Amino acid sequence: MKIGIISDTHGLLRPEVIKALDGCKAILHGGDINKQEIIDQLEEIAPIYVVRGNNDSNWADHIPMFLDFELAGLRIYMSHI
């Protein structure tokens, strides 16, 4: 299972990143997203697990500060800070 791990996109998804994430069954984003559109773009590629970063402001109030879940038989804990 191919899992993409990304962080600190700061409002920009470069074409090279989108290409590298092609074929992923899940994407983990470690925060500092900076705008909802980044999440929307990533969700078009694969299901996304995302945590809030220190540069994510009021728009990201709905995004958790940490996640603790299982994926592909792995226990994963995510936090930006």
N, C-alpha and C. Protein backbone atom coordinates (compact mmCIF):
# COMPACT_ATOMS: atom_id res chain seq x y z
N MET A 1 0.84 -1.18 0.00
CA MET A 1 0.00 0.00 0.00
C MET A 1 0.88 1.24 0.00
N LYS A 2 0.70 2.10 -0.98
CA LYS A 2 1.48 3.33 -1.08
C LYS A 2 0.77 4.43 -0.26
N ILE A 3 1.50 4.98 0.71
CA ILE A 3 0.99 6.06 1.56
C ILE A 3 1.88 7.28 1.34
N GLY A 4 1.25 8.41 1.01
CA GLY A 4 2.00 9.65 0.84
C GLY A 4 2.08 10.41 2.15
N ILE A 5 3.24 10.94 2.45
CA ILE A 5 3.44 11.74 3.66
C ILE A 5 3.96 13.10 3.23
N ILE A 6 3.25 14.14 3.67
CA ILE A 6 3.59 15.50 3.26
C ILE A 6 3.33 16.44 4.43
N SER A 7 4.00 17.56 4.43
CA SER A 7 3.82 18.56 5.48
C SER A 7 4.27 19.92 4.97
N ASP A 8 3.84 20.96 5.65
CA ASP A 8 4.30 22.32 5.39
C ASP A 8 4.14 22.73 3.93
N THR A 9 2.96 22.52 3.38
CA THR A 9 2.71 22.94 2.00
C THR A 9 2.52 24.45 1.90
N HIS A 10 2.14 25.09 2.99
CA HIS A 10 2.01 26.55 3.05
C HIS A 10 1.26 27.13 1.85
N GLY A 11 0.14 26.47 1.51
CA GLY A 11 -0.74 27.00 0.47
C GLY A 11 -0.33 26.68 -0.95
N LEU A 12 0.63 25.79 -1.14
CA LEU A 12 1.13 25.50 -2.49
C LEU A 12 1.35 24.00 -2.68
N LEU A 13 0.77 23.46 -3.73
CA LEU A 13 1.04 22.07 -4.12
C LEU A 13 1.70 22.10 -5.49
N ARG A 14 2.96 21.85 -5.52
CA ARG A 14 3.70 21.85 -6.78
C ARG A 14 3.31 20.64 -7.64
N PRO A 15 3.38 20.78 -8.96
CA PRO A 15 3.04 19.66 -9.86
C PRO A 15 3.87 18.41 -9.55
N GLU A 16 5.12 18.58 -9.15
CA GLU A 16 5.98 17.44 -8.83
C GLU A 16 5.43 16.65 -7.63
N VAL A 17 4.85 17.37 -6.68
CA VAL A 17 4.28 16.73 -5.50
C VAL A 17 3.03 15.95 -5.89
N ILE A 18 2.19 16.56 -6.68
CA ILE A 18 0.97 15.89 -7.14
C ILE A 18 1.33 14.61 -7.89
N LYS A 19 2.34 14.69 -8.73
CA LYS A 19 2.79 13.51 -9.48
C LYS A 19 3.32 12.43 -8.54
N ALA A 20 4.09 12.83 -7.54
CA ALA A 20 4.67 11.86 -6.59
C ALA A 20 3.58 11.17 -5.77
N LEU A 21 2.46 11.85 -5.52
CA LEU A 21 1.38 11.28 -4.72
C LEU A 21 0.43 10.40 -5.54
N ASP A 22 0.59 10.42 -6.85
CA ASP A 22 -0.27 9.60 -7.71
C ASP A 22 -0.15 8.13 -7.33
N GLY A 23 -1.27 7.47 -7.19
CA GLY A 23 -1.26 6.06 -6.84
C GLY A 23 -1.31 5.79 -5.35
N CYS A 24 -1.26 6.82 -4.53
CA CYS A 24 -1.35 6.63 -3.08
C CYS A 24 -2.74 6.17 -2.70
N LYS A 25 -2.82 5.31 -1.73
CA LYS A 25 -4.10 4.87 -1.18
C LYS A 25 -4.52 5.73 0.00
N ALA A 26 -3.59 6.52 0.55
CA ALA A 26 -3.86 7.46 1.63
C ALA A 26 -2.76 8.51 1.63
N ILE A 27 -3.11 9.71 2.13
CA ILE A 27 -2.13 10.79 2.24
C ILE A 27 -2.19 11.31 3.68
N LEU A 28 -1.01 11.45 4.30
CA LEU A 28 -0.89 12.02 5.63
C LEU A 28 -0.30 13.41 5.48
N HIS A 29 -1.00 14.43 5.98
CA HIS A 29 -0.48 15.80 5.92
C HIS A 29 -0.21 16.27 7.33
N GLY A 30 1.04 16.62 7.59
CA GLY A 30 1.49 16.98 8.93
C GLY A 30 1.28 18.42 9.34
N GLY A 31 0.46 19.17 8.64
CA GLY A 31 0.13 20.53 9.07
C GLY A 31 0.85 21.63 8.31
N ASP A 32 0.50 22.87 8.67
CA ASP A 32 0.89 24.07 7.93
C ASP A 32 0.41 23.98 6.49
N ILE A 33 -0.89 23.81 6.39
CA ILE A 33 -1.58 23.68 5.12
C ILE A 33 -1.82 25.06 4.52
N ASN A 34 -2.33 25.95 5.33
CA ASN A 34 -2.58 27.36 5.05
C ASN A 34 -3.85 27.68 4.29
N LYS A 35 -4.47 26.71 3.64
CA LYS A 35 -5.78 26.98 3.03
C LYS A 35 -6.48 25.69 2.67
N GLN A 36 -7.81 25.73 2.74
CA GLN A 36 -8.66 24.56 2.51
C GLN A 36 -8.44 23.96 1.13
N GLU A 37 -8.11 24.77 0.15
CA GLU A 37 -7.95 24.27 -1.22
C GLU A 37 -6.89 23.18 -1.32
N ILE A 38 -5.88 23.24 -0.48
CA ILE A 38 -4.83 22.21 -0.49
C ILE A 38 -5.43 20.87 -0.08
N ILE A 39 -6.23 20.87 0.97
CA ILE A 39 -6.90 19.64 1.41
C ILE A 39 -7.81 19.13 0.30
N ASP A 40 -8.56 20.02 -0.31
CA ASP A 40 -9.47 19.63 -1.38
C ASP A 40 -8.71 18.97 -2.54
N GLN A 41 -7.57 19.54 -2.91
CA GLN A 41 -6.77 18.97 -4.00
C GLN A 41 -6.24 17.59 -3.63
N LEU A 42 -5.76 17.45 -2.40
CA LEU A 42 -5.22 16.16 -1.97
C LEU A 42 -6.31 15.10 -1.89
N GLU A 43 -7.51 15.49 -1.47
CA GLU A 43 -8.62 14.53 -1.39
C GLU A 43 -9.03 13.99 -2.76
N GLU A 44 -8.71 14.71 -3.81
CA GLU A 44 -8.97 14.22 -5.16
C GLU A 44 -8.03 13.07 -5.52
N ILE A 45 -6.90 13.00 -4.84
CA ILE A 45 -5.90 11.95 -5.11
C ILE A 45 -6.20 10.71 -4.27
N ALA A 46 -6.44 10.92 -2.95
CA ALA A 46 -6.65 9.81 -2.03
C ALA A 46 -7.26 10.34 -0.73
N PRO A 47 -7.79 9.44 0.09
CA PRO A 47 -8.26 9.88 1.41
C PRO A 47 -7.11 10.54 2.16
N ILE A 48 -7.41 11.59 2.93
CA ILE A 48 -6.36 12.35 3.60
C ILE A 48 -6.58 12.36 5.11
N TYR A 49 -5.49 12.21 5.81
CA TYR A 49 -5.44 12.36 7.27
C TYR A 49 -4.61 13.62 7.51
N VAL A 50 -5.16 14.57 8.23
CA VAL A 50 -4.50 15.87 8.35
C VAL A 50 -4.57 16.40 9.77
N VAL A 51 -3.48 17.02 10.20
CA VAL A 51 -3.45 17.71 11.49
C VAL A 51 -3.16 19.18 11.25
N ARG A 52 -3.53 19.97 12.21
CA ARG A 52 -3.37 21.42 12.15
C ARG A 52 -1.94 21.81 12.54
N GLY A 53 -1.36 22.73 11.78
CA GLY A 53 -0.03 23.23 12.08
C GLY A 53 -0.07 24.59 12.75
N ASN A 54 1.07 25.06 13.20
CA ASN A 54 1.13 26.34 13.91
C ASN A 54 0.85 27.53 12.99
N ASN A 55 0.92 27.36 11.69
CA ASN A 55 0.60 28.44 10.74
C ASN A 55 -0.81 28.33 10.19
N ASP A 56 -1.58 27.37 10.66
CA ASP A 56 -2.98 27.24 10.23
C ASP A 56 -3.85 28.04 11.19
N SER A 57 -4.53 29.04 10.67
CA SER A 57 -5.28 29.97 11.51
C SER A 57 -6.75 29.57 11.63
N ASN A 58 -7.61 30.53 11.84
CA ASN A 58 -9.02 30.30 12.13
C ASN A 58 -9.73 29.43 11.10
N TRP A 59 -9.31 29.49 9.86
CA TRP A 59 -9.97 28.67 8.84
C TRP A 59 -9.87 27.18 9.18
N ALA A 60 -8.85 26.80 9.97
CA ALA A 60 -8.56 25.39 10.25
C ALA A 60 -9.04 24.93 11.63
N ASP A 61 -9.97 25.67 12.23
CA ASP A 61 -10.46 25.29 13.56
C ASP A 61 -11.02 23.86 13.60
N HIS A 62 -11.53 23.38 12.49
CA HIS A 62 -12.12 22.04 12.43
C HIS A 62 -11.07 20.93 12.29
N ILE A 63 -9.83 21.29 12.06
CA ILE A 63 -8.76 20.31 11.88
C ILE A 63 -8.13 20.01 13.24
N PRO A 64 -7.99 18.74 13.60
CA PRO A 64 -7.45 18.41 14.92
C PRO A 64 -5.96 18.72 15.04
N MET A 65 -5.52 18.93 16.27
CA MET A 65 -4.11 19.18 16.55
C MET A 65 -3.29 17.89 16.49
N PHE A 66 -3.94 16.75 16.74
CA PHE A 66 -3.26 15.46 16.62
C PHE A 66 -4.25 14.40 16.18
N LEU A 67 -3.73 13.33 15.63
CA LEU A 67 -4.52 12.16 15.24
C LEU A 67 -3.82 10.91 15.74
N ASP A 68 -4.60 9.93 16.11
CA ASP A 68 -4.10 8.63 16.56
C ASP A 68 -5.02 7.60 15.90
N PHE A 69 -4.48 6.83 14.94
CA PHE A 69 -5.32 5.92 14.17
C PHE A 69 -4.49 4.75 13.64
N GLU A 70 -5.20 3.77 13.08
CA GLU A 70 -4.53 2.64 12.43
C GLU A 70 -4.76 2.73 10.93
N LEU A 71 -3.72 2.41 10.18
CA LEU A 71 -3.79 2.44 8.73
C LEU A 71 -2.87 1.35 8.19
N ALA A 72 -3.42 0.48 7.39
CA ALA A 72 -2.65 -0.61 6.77
C ALA A 72 -1.90 -1.43 7.81
N GLY A 73 -2.52 -1.66 8.95
CA GLY A 73 -1.91 -2.46 9.99
C GLY A 73 -0.90 -1.73 10.85
N LEU A 74 -0.75 -0.43 10.64
CA LEU A 74 0.19 0.38 11.42
C LEU A 74 -0.57 1.30 12.36
N ARG A 75 -0.05 1.50 13.54
CA ARG A 75 -0.60 2.49 14.47
C ARG A 75 0.15 3.79 14.21
N ILE A 76 -0.60 4.86 13.90
CA ILE A 76 0.02 6.13 13.53
C ILE A 76 -0.46 7.23 14.46
N TYR A 77 0.48 8.00 14.95
CA TYR A 77 0.19 9.20 15.76
C TYR A 77 0.76 10.37 15.00
N MET A 78 -0.08 11.37 14.72
CA MET A 78 0.37 12.53 13.97
C MET A 78 0.17 13.81 14.78
N SER A 79 1.17 14.68 14.73
CA SER A 79 1.10 16.00 15.34
C SER A 79 2.10 16.89 14.61
N HIS A 80 1.78 18.14 14.47
CA HIS A 80 2.70 19.06 13.82
C HIS A 80 3.79 19.54 14.77
N ILE A 81 3.42 19.76 15.99
CA ILE A 81 4.36 20.36 16.95
C ILE A 81 4.88 19.30 17.89
